[in-house]
Amino acid sequence: MKLKNKFIYISLLILFVLSGCAKRGSITGGLKDTLAPVLKVSFPKNFSTEFRGKEIKLTFDEYVKLKDANKQLIISPPMITKPEILPTTASKYITIKIKDTLKPNTTYSFNFGQSITDNNEGNPYNQFKYIFSTGTYIDSLKLSGTIRDALNKKEDNFVSVMLYDVDEKYTDSTVYKFPPRYITNTLDSLKTYSLENLKAGKYLLVALKDENNNTIYNPKREKIAFHKEFITIPTDSTFELSLFKEVMPFYAFKPSQASGNRATLGYEGRPKDLKLVLKNQKEILPIIVSKLKDKDSVQIWFKPLKVDSLSLGISKDKFNKNYIFKIKNQKKDTLAISSKQTGTLNFREQFTLTSTVPLTKFDTSKIQFINKDSIAVVYKTEYDEWNQELKFDFQKELSEKYNIKLMPGALTDYLDKVNDTLSFNFSTRTPADYGNLRVKLENVKRFPIIIELTNTKGDLLATAYSEEKTIIDFNLLEPSLFTLRVIYDDNKNKEWDPGNFLEKRQSEDVLYFPKEIDVRANWDVEQVFNLSP
């Protein structure tokens, strides 16, 4: 009997070992943690009144860490001296040490956004708020609305929305000098905002793309939006705010020499109607002024001369100043010509040559313009001095090949240098390679209007201007997905104008067609655009 039991025991042991070998594999950690941390207790407790402390301690059910707290954490009203928030490493505790003097009878809100996450998987404690009042009750009123960009279809993220007290201390310069009474932020994914725990009163509503995170408006760098009328809280209304970047009053910086025949002048604002006078002592020097590409600067071209310094008089609008800048012996700019188009010329374009220095003379007898059959093409030229571009206007033929040959001396720059022999080849396509778009506008409030097509990035691809027409044709378009927008050009200057805070002027209205328009090769697309709100 004992021997039999011993045999059974050994057999079971062998079976167990073999079973274990058969089940070898990787050890898993179980299901992935998808739960956010939970606040177990806070001291003082959340929603406390008559708060007098200098320290707040939050205790969680697991180890947490702070992520992007400098962007995510919104304290309302803002504190001039930022609180210290510890620790910076993973912990079950977060301690807030208040460094600022708290205002009496005021409700404070610490909105952590998504900055509190668990240590292992990064699950956020979404929109956690710690709220207390230095008075006897928690303010409970709220204000909400939406944010959009005044011109572009895509909205900015991390937009601060603020309320300023309108009292005996309020002036229009308040937003440039002082923080608001209340603040919230759209963070990284919201088009809406909600200001909560507000006190009844009269306020100015403002939004800022606050680049330096100081709650003070810097018009040189930041976008602003505002509601023109003051707001009285409580209110059941919602408010849409449109962000824009103001055009700064014109200001010119001190010019600097860029070459032996050129100076550059940086500016703020718009350079239209800018007047420049370059002098060598009392002698006025002839100059050419052009735009420095992709920069807020102009180029001032002058004939080389041996002097120690020159003076530049600058006037535009209310700006009037004279600068003296030094002149050193530097190399002169050299003439080079290139074409903007390579290979194919679209039907909506003009063939364009660009020059490294301004051109002053054009000898068409030294320009040969022929098609593939060597037949001369009738053309006209137009020179854009501001952009240093020479444009060729001619009747384009379908599926044609062209050659433009410039013999030496065809082009002369302002230093009397001429081009070498140049040859440019390009061709056109057939209408089947392009698409046509007809836009039918309905319920246009007023004229004139600007109708624009952009790509998905917001780059302008085609534009039209209408003073009365509601049917707009965009023919021979490169196949693409287009975004369509209409601008009410209220000041009739044929460009979109942003608003101005001090003038209490909103940006010119921009309406977007809600969907992208697909224009394909050899397609005719007709699109109705109802401009009703």
Protein backbone atom coordinates (compact mmCIF):
# COMPACT_ATOMS: atom_id res chain seq x y z
CA MET A 1 0.00 0.00 0.00
CA LYS A 2 2.81 2.40 0.86
CA LEU A 3 4.70 1.46 -2.28
CA LYS A 4 1.62 2.15 -4.40
CA ASN A 5 1.09 5.58 -2.78
CA LYS A 6 4.76 6.41 -3.34
CA PHE A 7 4.45 5.48 -7.04
CA ILE A 8 1.37 7.70 -7.45
CA TYR A 9 3.15 10.61 -5.74
CA ILE A 10 6.19 10.35 -8.03
CA SER A 11 3.98 10.12 -11.12
CA LEU A 12 2.06 13.27 -10.15
CA LEU A 13 5.31 15.13 -9.49
CA ILE A 14 6.69 14.24 -12.95
CA LEU A 15 3.40 15.28 -14.57
CA PHE A 16 3.51 18.64 -12.78
CA VAL A 17 7.08 19.35 -13.90
CA LEU A 18 6.31 18.44 -17.52
CA SER A 19 3.20 20.61 -17.43
CA GLY A 20 5.25 23.57 -16.18
CA CYS A 21 7.82 23.11 -18.97
CA ALA A 22 5.04 23.08 -21.58
CA LYS A 23 3.72 26.44 -20.34
CA ARG A 24 6.96 28.39 -20.54
CA GLY A 25 6.53 31.97 -21.89
CA SER A 26 6.98 35.65 -21.14
CA ILE A 27 5.62 37.01 -17.89
CA THR A 28 3.07 39.78 -18.50
CA GLY A 29 2.31 42.72 -16.25
CA GLY A 30 -1.44 42.33 -16.53
CA LEU A 31 -3.86 44.83 -18.05
CA LYS A 32 -2.61 48.30 -18.94
CA ASP A 33 -3.48 50.99 -16.39
CA THR A 34 -5.96 53.39 -18.04
CA LEU A 35 -7.33 55.00 -14.86
CA ALA A 36 -6.53 58.58 -13.94
CA PRO A 37 -5.23 59.35 -10.46
CA VAL A 38 -7.81 60.20 -7.82
CA LEU A 39 -7.57 62.99 -5.24
CA LYS A 40 -7.98 61.35 -1.81
CA VAL A 41 -7.80 64.43 0.38
CA SER A 42 -6.76 68.08 0.25
CA PHE A 43 -5.79 70.45 3.01
CA PRO A 44 -7.40 72.88 3.29
CA LYS A 45 -10.29 71.07 1.69
CA ASN A 46 -11.38 71.99 -1.83
CA PHE A 47 -13.94 74.84 -1.99
CA SER A 48 -12.84 76.23 1.35
CA THR A 49 -13.96 79.72 2.37
CA GLU A 50 -12.26 82.35 4.53
CA PHE A 51 -8.92 81.02 3.32
CA ARG A 52 -5.97 82.53 5.18
CA GLY A 53 -3.21 79.99 4.55
CA LYS A 54 -0.01 80.06 2.52
CA GLU A 55 0.20 76.37 1.68
CA ILE A 56 -2.10 73.80 0.04
CA LYS A 57 -1.46 70.05 0.09
CA LEU A 58 -3.11 67.62 -2.34
CA THR A 59 -2.91 63.87 -1.67
CA PHE A 60 -3.56 61.29 -4.41
CA ASP A 61 -4.21 57.53 -4.46
CA GLU A 62 -1.03 56.85 -6.49
CA TYR A 63 2.22 58.46 -7.54
CA VAL A 64 1.64 61.44 -9.79
CA LYS A 65 3.84 63.90 -11.67
CA LEU A 66 3.33 67.32 -13.17
CA LYS A 67 3.59 67.66 -16.96
CA ASP A 68 3.81 71.06 -18.70
CA ALA A 69 2.41 72.78 -15.64
CA ASN A 70 3.82 76.12 -16.81
CA LYS A 71 1.42 75.97 -19.80
CA GLN A 72 -1.44 73.88 -18.42
CA LEU A 73 -1.92 75.39 -14.96
CA ILE A 74 -4.22 78.43 -15.03
CA ILE A 75 -4.58 80.48 -11.85
CA SER A 76 -7.50 82.88 -11.75
CA PRO A 77 -7.23 85.66 -10.72
CA PRO A 78 -3.57 85.65 -11.82
CA MET A 79 -0.95 85.97 -9.11
CA ILE A 80 1.82 88.51 -9.72
CA THR A 81 4.26 86.32 -7.79
CA LYS A 82 3.85 82.78 -9.06
CA PRO A 83 3.26 80.09 -6.44
CA GLU A 84 5.85 77.36 -5.88
CA ILE A 85 4.52 73.90 -6.76
CA LEU A 86 6.38 70.87 -5.42
CA PRO A 87 7.70 68.30 -5.90
CA THR A 88 9.08 68.23 -9.44
CA THR A 89 9.48 64.44 -9.24
CA ALA A 90 6.90 61.68 -8.85
CA SER A 91 5.06 61.74 -5.52
CA LYS A 92 1.69 61.03 -3.96
CA TYR A 93 1.57 64.64 -2.81
CA ILE A 94 1.48 68.04 -4.52
CA THR A 95 2.22 71.09 -2.40
CA ILE A 96 1.28 74.62 -3.49
CA LYS A 97 3.17 77.37 -1.66
CA ILE A 98 1.50 80.75 -2.17
CA LYS A 99 3.99 83.61 -2.47
CA ASP A 100 1.57 86.41 -3.40
CA THR A 101 -0.72 88.51 -1.20
CA LEU A 102 -4.26 87.26 -1.71
CA LYS A 103 -7.06 89.73 -2.44
CA PRO A 104 -9.88 89.96 0.11
CA ASN A 105 -13.31 88.51 -0.67
CA THR A 106 -12.03 86.82 -3.82
CA THR A 107 -12.56 83.33 -5.21
CA TYR A 108 -9.36 81.73 -6.53
CA SER A 109 -9.23 78.84 -8.98
CA PHE A 110 -6.25 76.59 -9.76
CA ASN A 111 -7.12 74.76 -12.99
CA PHE A 112 -4.43 72.13 -13.60
CA GLY A 113 -5.71 71.27 -17.09
CA GLN A 114 -4.06 67.94 -17.98
CA SER A 115 -0.83 68.59 -16.09
CA ILE A 116 -1.44 66.05 -13.27
CA THR A 117 -0.77 62.54 -14.59
CA ASP A 118 -0.08 59.17 -13.03
CA ASN A 119 3.60 58.25 -12.92
CA ASN A 120 3.39 54.96 -14.85
CA GLU A 121 1.12 55.45 -17.87
CA GLY A 122 0.69 59.24 -17.95
CA ASN A 123 -3.10 59.13 -17.54
CA PRO A 124 -4.18 62.73 -16.89
CA TYR A 125 -6.44 63.91 -14.06
CA ASN A 126 -8.42 65.93 -16.59
CA GLN A 127 -9.30 69.57 -15.76
CA PHE A 128 -8.81 69.18 -12.02
CA LYS A 129 -9.60 72.41 -10.18
CA TYR A 130 -8.73 73.45 -6.67
CA ILE A 131 -10.91 76.37 -5.58
CA PHE A 132 -11.00 78.49 -2.45
CA SER A 133 -12.29 81.88 -1.36
CA THR A 134 -10.78 84.50 0.91
CA GLY A 135 -14.37 85.62 1.59
CA THR A 136 -17.34 83.89 3.13
CA TYR A 137 -18.63 82.25 -0.06
CA ILE A 138 -17.48 80.82 -3.38
CA ASP A 139 -18.38 82.97 -6.41
CA SER A 140 -20.37 80.83 -8.84
CA LEU A 141 -21.17 82.91 -11.92
CA LYS A 142 -19.71 81.98 -15.33
CA LEU A 143 -19.14 83.25 -18.86
CA SER A 144 -18.54 81.17 -21.99
CA GLY A 145 -17.98 81.50 -25.71
CA THR A 146 -15.82 80.54 -28.68
CA ILE A 147 -12.47 81.58 -30.13
CA ARG A 148 -11.54 81.89 -33.79
CA ASP A 149 -8.87 83.54 -35.89
CA ALA A 150 -10.05 86.71 -37.63
CA LEU A 151 -8.43 85.73 -40.96
CA ASN A 152 -7.25 82.13 -40.92
CA LYS A 153 -9.49 79.09 -40.75
CA LYS A 154 -7.32 77.29 -38.22
CA GLU A 155 -7.56 78.53 -34.64
CA ASP A 156 -4.60 79.14 -32.33
CA ASN A 157 -4.19 76.92 -29.28
CA PHE A 158 -3.31 78.03 -25.75
CA VAL A 159 -5.29 81.28 -26.01
CA SER A 160 -5.80 83.18 -22.75
CA VAL A 161 -9.30 84.60 -22.23
CA MET A 162 -9.52 87.35 -19.63
CA LEU A 163 -11.89 89.67 -17.82
CA TYR A 164 -10.85 93.12 -16.56
CA ASP A 165 -12.78 95.04 -13.92
CA VAL A 166 -14.42 98.13 -15.39
CA ASP A 167 -14.29 100.49 -12.42
CA GLU A 168 -12.91 103.92 -11.57
CA LYS A 169 -9.36 102.65 -12.15
CA TYR A 170 -10.03 101.24 -15.63
CA THR A 171 -8.56 102.91 -18.73
CA ASP A 172 -7.93 101.68 -22.27
CA SER A 173 -4.26 101.19 -21.35
CA THR A 174 -5.11 98.66 -18.62
CA VAL A 175 -4.49 95.65 -20.88
CA TYR A 176 -0.98 96.95 -21.65
CA LYS A 177 -0.01 97.39 -18.00
CA PHE A 178 -1.93 95.16 -15.61
CA PRO A 179 -3.05 91.53 -15.32
CA PRO A 180 -6.79 90.76 -15.57
CA ARG A 181 -9.20 90.03 -12.75
CA TYR A 182 -10.08 86.58 -14.16
CA ILE A 183 -8.37 84.31 -16.67
CA THR A 184 -8.83 80.96 -18.38
CA ASN A 185 -7.13 79.23 -21.32
CA THR A 186 -8.28 77.17 -24.29
CA LEU A 187 -5.22 74.91 -23.78
CA ASP A 188 -4.10 72.77 -26.72
CA SER A 189 -7.30 71.43 -28.20
CA LEU A 190 -10.31 73.63 -27.49
CA LYS A 191 -12.14 76.23 -29.59
CA THR A 192 -14.34 77.16 -26.67
CA TYR A 193 -13.68 78.85 -23.35
CA SER A 194 -15.42 79.04 -19.98
CA LEU A 195 -14.65 81.54 -17.23
CA GLU A 196 -16.05 80.27 -13.94
CA ASN A 197 -16.30 81.30 -10.28
CA LEU A 198 -16.93 84.90 -11.26
CA LYS A 199 -18.28 87.75 -9.18
CA ALA A 200 -21.14 89.89 -10.47
CA GLY A 201 -19.91 93.09 -12.09
CA LYS A 202 -18.98 95.01 -15.21
CA TYR A 203 -16.03 93.70 -17.26
CA LEU A 204 -13.98 94.04 -20.42
CA LEU A 205 -13.64 90.71 -22.25
CA VAL A 206 -10.28 90.15 -24.00
CA ALA A 207 -8.40 87.18 -25.45
CA LEU A 208 -4.63 87.03 -25.99
CA LYS A 209 -2.26 84.67 -27.72
CA ASP A 210 0.02 85.36 -24.76
CA GLU A 211 3.44 84.51 -26.19
CA ASN A 212 5.45 85.34 -23.07
CA ASN A 213 2.80 84.12 -20.60
CA ASN A 214 2.70 87.33 -18.55
CA THR A 215 -1.01 88.25 -19.08
CA ILE A 216 0.06 91.68 -20.42
CA TYR A 217 -0.70 92.66 -24.02
CA ASN A 218 2.37 93.16 -26.23
CA PRO A 219 1.04 94.36 -29.62
CA LYS A 220 4.38 93.86 -31.36
CA ARG A 221 4.31 90.11 -30.80
CA GLU A 222 0.83 89.01 -29.76
CA LYS A 223 -2.63 88.56 -31.21
CA ILE A 224 -5.60 90.08 -29.42
CA ALA A 225 -9.38 89.76 -29.52
CA PHE A 226 -11.91 91.85 -27.63
CA HIS A 227 -15.63 92.39 -27.22
CA LYS A 228 -16.39 95.97 -28.16
CA GLU A 229 -19.01 96.58 -25.48
CA PHE A 230 -18.44 96.00 -21.78
CA ILE A 231 -20.09 92.87 -20.35
CA THR A 232 -22.28 92.77 -17.29
CA ILE A 233 -22.23 89.52 -15.31
CA PRO A 234 -24.46 87.58 -14.75
CA THR A 235 -25.39 87.04 -18.39
CA ASP A 236 -26.87 84.20 -20.42
CA SER A 237 -25.13 85.33 -23.63
CA THR A 238 -22.16 83.59 -25.22
CA PHE A 239 -19.44 85.58 -26.92
CA GLU A 240 -17.33 84.85 -30.00
CA LEU A 241 -13.86 86.40 -30.00
CA SER A 242 -11.77 86.85 -33.17
CA LEU A 243 -8.00 86.98 -32.75
CA PHE A 244 -5.93 89.31 -34.92
CA LYS A 245 -2.42 90.75 -35.03
CA GLU A 246 -2.53 94.54 -35.09
CA VAL A 247 -0.68 96.50 -37.75
CA MET A 248 1.82 98.51 -35.77
CA PRO A 249 2.19 102.27 -36.37
CA PHE A 250 5.02 102.74 -38.81
CA TYR A 251 8.46 102.86 -37.25
CA ALA A 252 11.84 102.62 -38.98
CA PHE A 253 15.03 101.42 -37.32
CA LYS A 254 18.50 102.77 -37.99
CA PRO A 255 19.69 101.73 -41.47
CA SER A 256 22.87 99.75 -42.00
CA GLN A 257 25.18 99.28 -44.95
CA ALA A 258 24.74 95.92 -46.72
CA SER A 259 27.20 96.33 -49.62
CA GLY A 260 29.20 98.98 -51.42
CA ASN A 261 26.01 100.24 -53.08
CA ARG A 262 23.17 99.23 -50.78
CA ALA A 263 21.74 99.83 -47.31
CA THR A 264 18.91 98.03 -45.58
CA LEU A 265 16.23 99.60 -43.42
CA GLY A 266 14.11 97.54 -41.00
CA TYR A 267 10.64 98.72 -40.09
CA GLU A 268 7.41 97.97 -38.24
CA GLY A 269 3.98 98.50 -39.77
CA ARG A 270 3.27 98.84 -43.47
CA PRO A 271 5.78 100.53 -45.83
CA LYS A 272 3.22 101.80 -48.35
CA ASP A 273 3.82 105.49 -49.26
CA LEU A 274 7.17 105.44 -47.44
CA LYS A 275 9.35 108.44 -48.37
CA LEU A 276 13.13 108.22 -48.17
CA VAL A 277 15.74 110.92 -48.85
CA LEU A 278 19.42 109.89 -48.89
CA LYS A 279 21.98 112.67 -48.49
CA ASN A 280 25.72 113.11 -48.61
CA GLN A 281 25.87 116.18 -46.38
CA LYS A 282 23.52 118.56 -48.28
CA GLU A 283 23.58 116.71 -51.60
CA ILE A 284 20.51 114.59 -52.30
CA LEU A 285 21.54 111.27 -53.85
CA PRO A 286 19.44 109.35 -56.40
CA ILE A 287 18.17 106.06 -54.94
CA ILE A 288 16.03 103.07 -55.79
CA VAL A 289 13.95 101.43 -53.06
CA SER A 290 12.92 97.78 -53.18
CA LYS A 291 11.58 95.13 -50.79
CA LEU A 292 13.92 92.71 -49.06
CA LYS A 293 12.24 89.34 -49.64
CA ASP A 294 10.56 87.64 -46.65
CA LYS A 295 11.69 90.34 -44.20
CA ASP A 296 10.24 93.57 -42.82
CA SER A 297 13.01 95.56 -44.45
CA VAL A 298 13.59 97.64 -47.56
CA GLN A 299 16.74 97.95 -49.65
CA ILE A 300 18.09 101.39 -50.51
CA TRP A 301 20.23 101.27 -53.65
CA PHE A 302 22.72 104.06 -54.34
CA LYS A 303 25.76 104.64 -56.56
CA PRO A 304 29.03 103.76 -54.78
CA LEU A 305 30.88 106.74 -53.36
CA LYS A 306 33.76 107.38 -50.98
CA VAL A 307 32.37 109.00 -47.85
CA ASP A 308 32.49 108.33 -44.14
CA SER A 309 28.72 108.43 -43.63
CA LEU A 310 25.36 109.16 -45.22
CA SER A 311 22.13 110.46 -43.77
CA LEU A 312 18.69 109.03 -44.46
CA GLY A 313 15.51 111.01 -43.95
CA ILE A 314 12.44 108.83 -43.36
CA SER A 315 8.84 109.98 -43.32
CA LYS A 316 5.51 108.13 -43.27
CA ASP A 317 2.30 109.04 -41.49
CA LYS A 318 3.35 110.48 -38.12
CA PHE A 319 6.88 109.05 -38.27
CA ASN A 320 9.58 111.54 -39.26
CA LYS A 321 13.23 110.89 -38.48
CA ASN A 322 16.74 111.34 -39.82
CA TYR A 323 19.44 108.70 -39.31
CA ILE A 324 23.17 108.93 -39.98
CA PHE A 325 24.93 105.66 -40.74
CA LYS A 326 28.56 104.84 -41.52
CA ILE A 327 29.83 103.82 -44.96
CA LYS A 328 32.75 101.43 -45.32
CA ASN A 329 34.61 100.14 -48.35
CA GLN A 330 32.63 97.02 -49.28
CA LYS A 331 32.11 94.92 -52.42
CA LYS A 332 29.43 96.00 -54.86
CA ASP A 333 26.45 93.80 -55.71
CA THR A 334 26.62 91.93 -59.02
CA LEU A 335 23.81 91.47 -61.52
CA ALA A 336 22.24 88.02 -61.85
CA ILE A 337 18.99 87.13 -63.60
CA SER A 338 16.81 84.09 -62.88
CA SER A 339 13.27 82.95 -63.73
CA LYS A 340 10.49 82.39 -61.18
CA GLN A 341 9.02 79.56 -63.25
CA THR A 342 10.90 76.43 -64.22
CA GLY A 343 9.60 74.05 -66.86
CA THR A 344 5.87 74.83 -66.93
CA LEU A 345 4.07 78.17 -67.05
CA ASN A 346 0.53 78.02 -65.68
CA PHE A 347 -2.13 79.93 -67.59
CA ARG A 348 -2.88 82.11 -64.55
CA GLU A 349 0.75 83.26 -64.33
CA GLN A 350 3.02 85.67 -66.17
CA PHE A 351 6.51 84.57 -67.08
CA THR A 352 8.72 86.49 -64.66
CA LEU A 353 12.42 87.21 -64.36
CA THR A 354 13.96 88.38 -61.10
CA SER A 355 17.17 90.36 -60.71
CA THR A 356 19.59 90.61 -57.81
CA VAL A 357 19.86 94.37 -58.33
CA PRO A 358 17.32 96.83 -59.76
CA LEU A 359 17.01 97.19 -63.53
CA THR A 360 16.74 100.57 -65.22
CA LYS A 361 16.99 99.97 -68.99
CA PHE A 362 15.35 97.42 -71.29
CA ASP A 363 16.36 96.92 -74.94
CA THR A 364 13.66 94.75 -76.51
CA SER A 365 15.63 94.60 -79.77
CA LYS A 366 18.01 92.29 -77.91
CA ILE A 367 15.23 90.03 -76.60
CA GLN A 368 14.11 87.11 -78.76
CA PHE A 369 10.80 85.47 -77.79
CA ILE A 370 9.78 82.51 -79.98
CA ASN A 371 7.54 79.42 -79.87
CA LYS A 372 8.46 75.84 -80.79
CA ASP A 373 8.07 76.64 -84.51
CA SER A 374 10.55 79.55 -84.14
CA ILE A 375 7.74 82.05 -84.77
CA ALA A 376 8.14 85.34 -82.92
CA VAL A 377 5.73 85.85 -80.02
CA VAL A 378 4.14 89.27 -79.52
CA TYR A 379 4.66 90.39 -75.93
CA LYS A 380 4.78 93.34 -73.55
CA THR A 381 6.99 93.77 -70.53
CA GLU A 382 6.26 95.35 -67.18
CA TYR A 383 8.91 96.01 -64.54
CA ASP A 384 8.03 95.84 -60.84
CA GLU A 385 10.76 97.89 -59.15
CA TRP A 386 9.53 97.16 -55.61
CA ASN A 387 10.00 93.39 -56.09
CA GLN A 388 12.71 93.63 -58.78
CA GLU A 389 10.67 91.56 -61.24
CA LEU A 390 10.38 91.79 -65.03
CA LYS A 391 7.08 90.32 -66.26
CA PHE A 392 6.26 89.17 -69.80
CA ASP A 393 2.64 89.52 -70.88
CA PHE A 394 1.64 87.53 -73.99
CA GLN A 395 -1.15 85.40 -75.42
CA LYS A 396 -0.50 81.87 -74.18
CA GLU A 397 -1.24 79.00 -76.53
CA LEU A 398 -2.18 75.47 -75.50
CA SER A 399 0.51 72.78 -75.35
CA GLU A 400 3.12 75.19 -76.62
CA LYS A 401 6.83 75.46 -75.99
CA TYR A 402 8.56 78.82 -75.69
CA ASN A 403 12.06 80.22 -75.56
CA ILE A 404 13.15 83.66 -74.39
CA LYS A 405 16.70 84.62 -75.25
CA LEU A 406 18.32 87.74 -73.86
CA MET A 407 21.37 88.95 -75.73
CA PRO A 408 24.08 90.93 -73.89
CA GLY A 409 22.77 94.43 -73.13
CA ALA A 410 19.09 93.50 -73.17
CA LEU A 411 18.90 94.45 -69.50
CA THR A 412 20.91 97.15 -67.75
CA ASP A 413 21.00 97.64 -64.00
CA TYR A 414 21.25 100.96 -62.16
CA LEU A 415 25.07 100.60 -61.97
CA ASP A 416 25.14 100.36 -65.78
CA LYS A 417 26.05 96.66 -65.73
CA VAL A 418 24.44 94.50 -68.42
CA ASN A 419 23.37 90.88 -68.61
CA ASP A 420 25.30 88.08 -70.28
CA THR A 421 23.56 85.89 -72.87
CA LEU A 422 20.60 84.18 -71.17
CA SER A 423 18.12 81.60 -72.41
CA PHE A 424 14.92 80.41 -70.72
CA ASN A 425 12.71 77.54 -71.89
CA PHE A 426 9.19 76.84 -70.65
CA SER A 427 5.97 75.29 -71.88
CA THR A 428 2.21 75.35 -71.37
CA ARG A 429 -0.24 72.52 -70.86
CA THR A 430 -3.72 71.76 -72.20
CA PRO A 431 -6.98 72.83 -70.51
CA ALA A 432 -7.51 69.15 -69.65
CA ASP A 433 -4.62 69.47 -67.19
CA TYR A 434 -6.52 72.13 -65.24
CA GLY A 435 -9.86 72.53 -63.53
CA ASN A 436 -12.37 75.39 -63.47
CA LEU A 437 -14.30 76.67 -60.47
CA ARG A 438 -17.39 78.86 -60.59
CA VAL A 439 -18.44 80.36 -57.26
CA LYS A 440 -22.04 81.55 -56.89
CA LEU A 441 -22.40 83.89 -53.91
CA GLU A 442 -25.74 84.26 -52.15
CA ASN A 443 -26.88 86.82 -49.55
CA VAL A 444 -23.88 89.14 -49.90
CA LYS A 445 -24.38 91.84 -47.26
CA ARG A 446 -22.40 94.58 -48.96
CA PHE A 447 -19.74 95.34 -51.56
CA PRO A 448 -16.87 95.41 -52.39
CA ILE A 449 -15.70 91.92 -51.50
CA ILE A 450 -12.49 89.95 -51.95
CA ILE A 451 -12.86 86.30 -52.93
CA GLU A 452 -9.83 84.14 -52.20
CA LEU A 453 -8.74 80.55 -52.72
CA THR A 454 -6.09 79.14 -50.41
CA ASN A 455 -4.55 75.72 -49.92
CA THR A 456 -4.97 73.75 -46.71
CA LYS A 457 -1.96 75.57 -45.21
CA GLY A 458 -3.57 78.97 -45.79
CA ASP A 459 -1.29 80.03 -48.67
CA LEU A 460 -3.09 82.30 -51.13
CA LEU A 461 -3.44 80.66 -54.56
CA ALA A 462 -5.99 82.80 -56.41
CA THR A 463 -7.96 85.97 -55.75
CA ALA A 464 -10.78 88.02 -57.29
CA TYR A 465 -12.35 91.38 -56.45
CA SER A 466 -16.01 92.22 -56.92
CA GLU A 467 -17.91 95.47 -56.57
CA GLU A 468 -21.21 93.99 -57.70
CA LYS A 469 -20.82 90.53 -59.26
CA THR A 470 -21.96 87.46 -57.35
CA ILE A 471 -20.74 84.89 -59.90
CA ILE A 472 -16.96 84.55 -59.79
CA ASP A 473 -15.00 82.33 -62.17
CA PHE A 474 -11.60 80.86 -61.32
CA ASN A 475 -10.51 79.20 -64.54
CA LEU A 476 -7.47 77.04 -65.33
CA LEU A 477 -6.66 76.16 -61.73
CA GLU A 478 -3.94 73.71 -60.82
CA PRO A 479 -5.79 70.61 -59.51
CA SER A 480 -5.96 70.84 -55.72
CA LEU A 481 -8.12 70.98 -52.61
CA PHE A 482 -9.08 74.62 -52.13
CA THR A 483 -10.34 76.60 -49.16
CA LEU A 484 -12.72 79.38 -50.17
CA ARG A 485 -13.17 82.60 -48.21
CA VAL A 486 -14.86 85.96 -48.74
CA ILE A 487 -13.62 89.21 -47.18
CA TYR A 488 -15.83 92.28 -46.79
CA ASP A 489 -13.45 95.04 -47.90
CA ASP A 490 -15.09 97.84 -45.96
CA ASN A 491 -12.33 100.42 -46.48
CA LYS A 492 -12.02 99.52 -50.20
CA ASN A 493 -8.23 99.12 -50.18
CA LYS A 494 -8.37 95.65 -51.78
CA GLU A 495 -6.73 93.86 -48.85
CA TRP A 496 -7.82 92.44 -45.52
CA ASP A 497 -7.33 94.77 -42.58
CA PRO A 498 -7.02 93.58 -38.97
CA GLY A 499 -8.61 95.41 -36.06
CA ASN A 500 -7.17 97.85 -33.56
CA PHE A 501 -7.77 97.66 -29.82
CA LEU A 502 -7.33 101.34 -28.92
CA GLU A 503 -9.52 102.40 -31.84
CA LYS A 504 -12.11 99.80 -30.77
CA ARG A 505 -12.14 98.59 -34.36
CA GLN A 506 -12.73 94.95 -35.23
CA SER A 507 -11.08 93.21 -38.18
CA GLU A 508 -12.80 93.17 -41.55
CA ASP A 509 -15.24 90.26 -41.70
CA VAL A 510 -14.03 86.98 -43.20
CA LEU A 511 -16.40 84.11 -44.04
CA TYR A 512 -15.21 80.61 -44.92
CA PHE A 513 -17.00 78.04 -47.00
CA PRO A 514 -17.36 75.16 -44.52
CA LYS A 515 -15.81 72.43 -46.69
CA GLU A 516 -12.75 72.11 -48.89
CA ILE A 517 -13.48 72.27 -52.61
CA ASP A 518 -11.94 69.54 -54.74
CA VAL A 519 -11.00 70.83 -58.19
CA ARG A 520 -9.57 68.07 -60.39
CA ALA A 521 -7.99 68.07 -63.82
CA ASN A 522 -10.53 68.47 -66.66
CA TRP A 523 -13.33 69.22 -64.18
CA ASP A 524 -15.81 72.11 -64.08
CA VAL A 525 -16.96 72.69 -60.51
CA GLU A 526 -19.84 74.97 -59.55
CA GLN A 527 -20.13 75.88 -55.89
CA VAL A 528 -22.87 77.90 -54.18
CA PHE A 529 -21.65 79.88 -51.15
CA ASN A 530 -24.40 81.30 -48.92
CA LEU A 531 -22.96 84.15 -46.86
CA SER A 532 -25.83 84.29 -44.40
CA PRO A 533 -24.73 83.95 -40.75
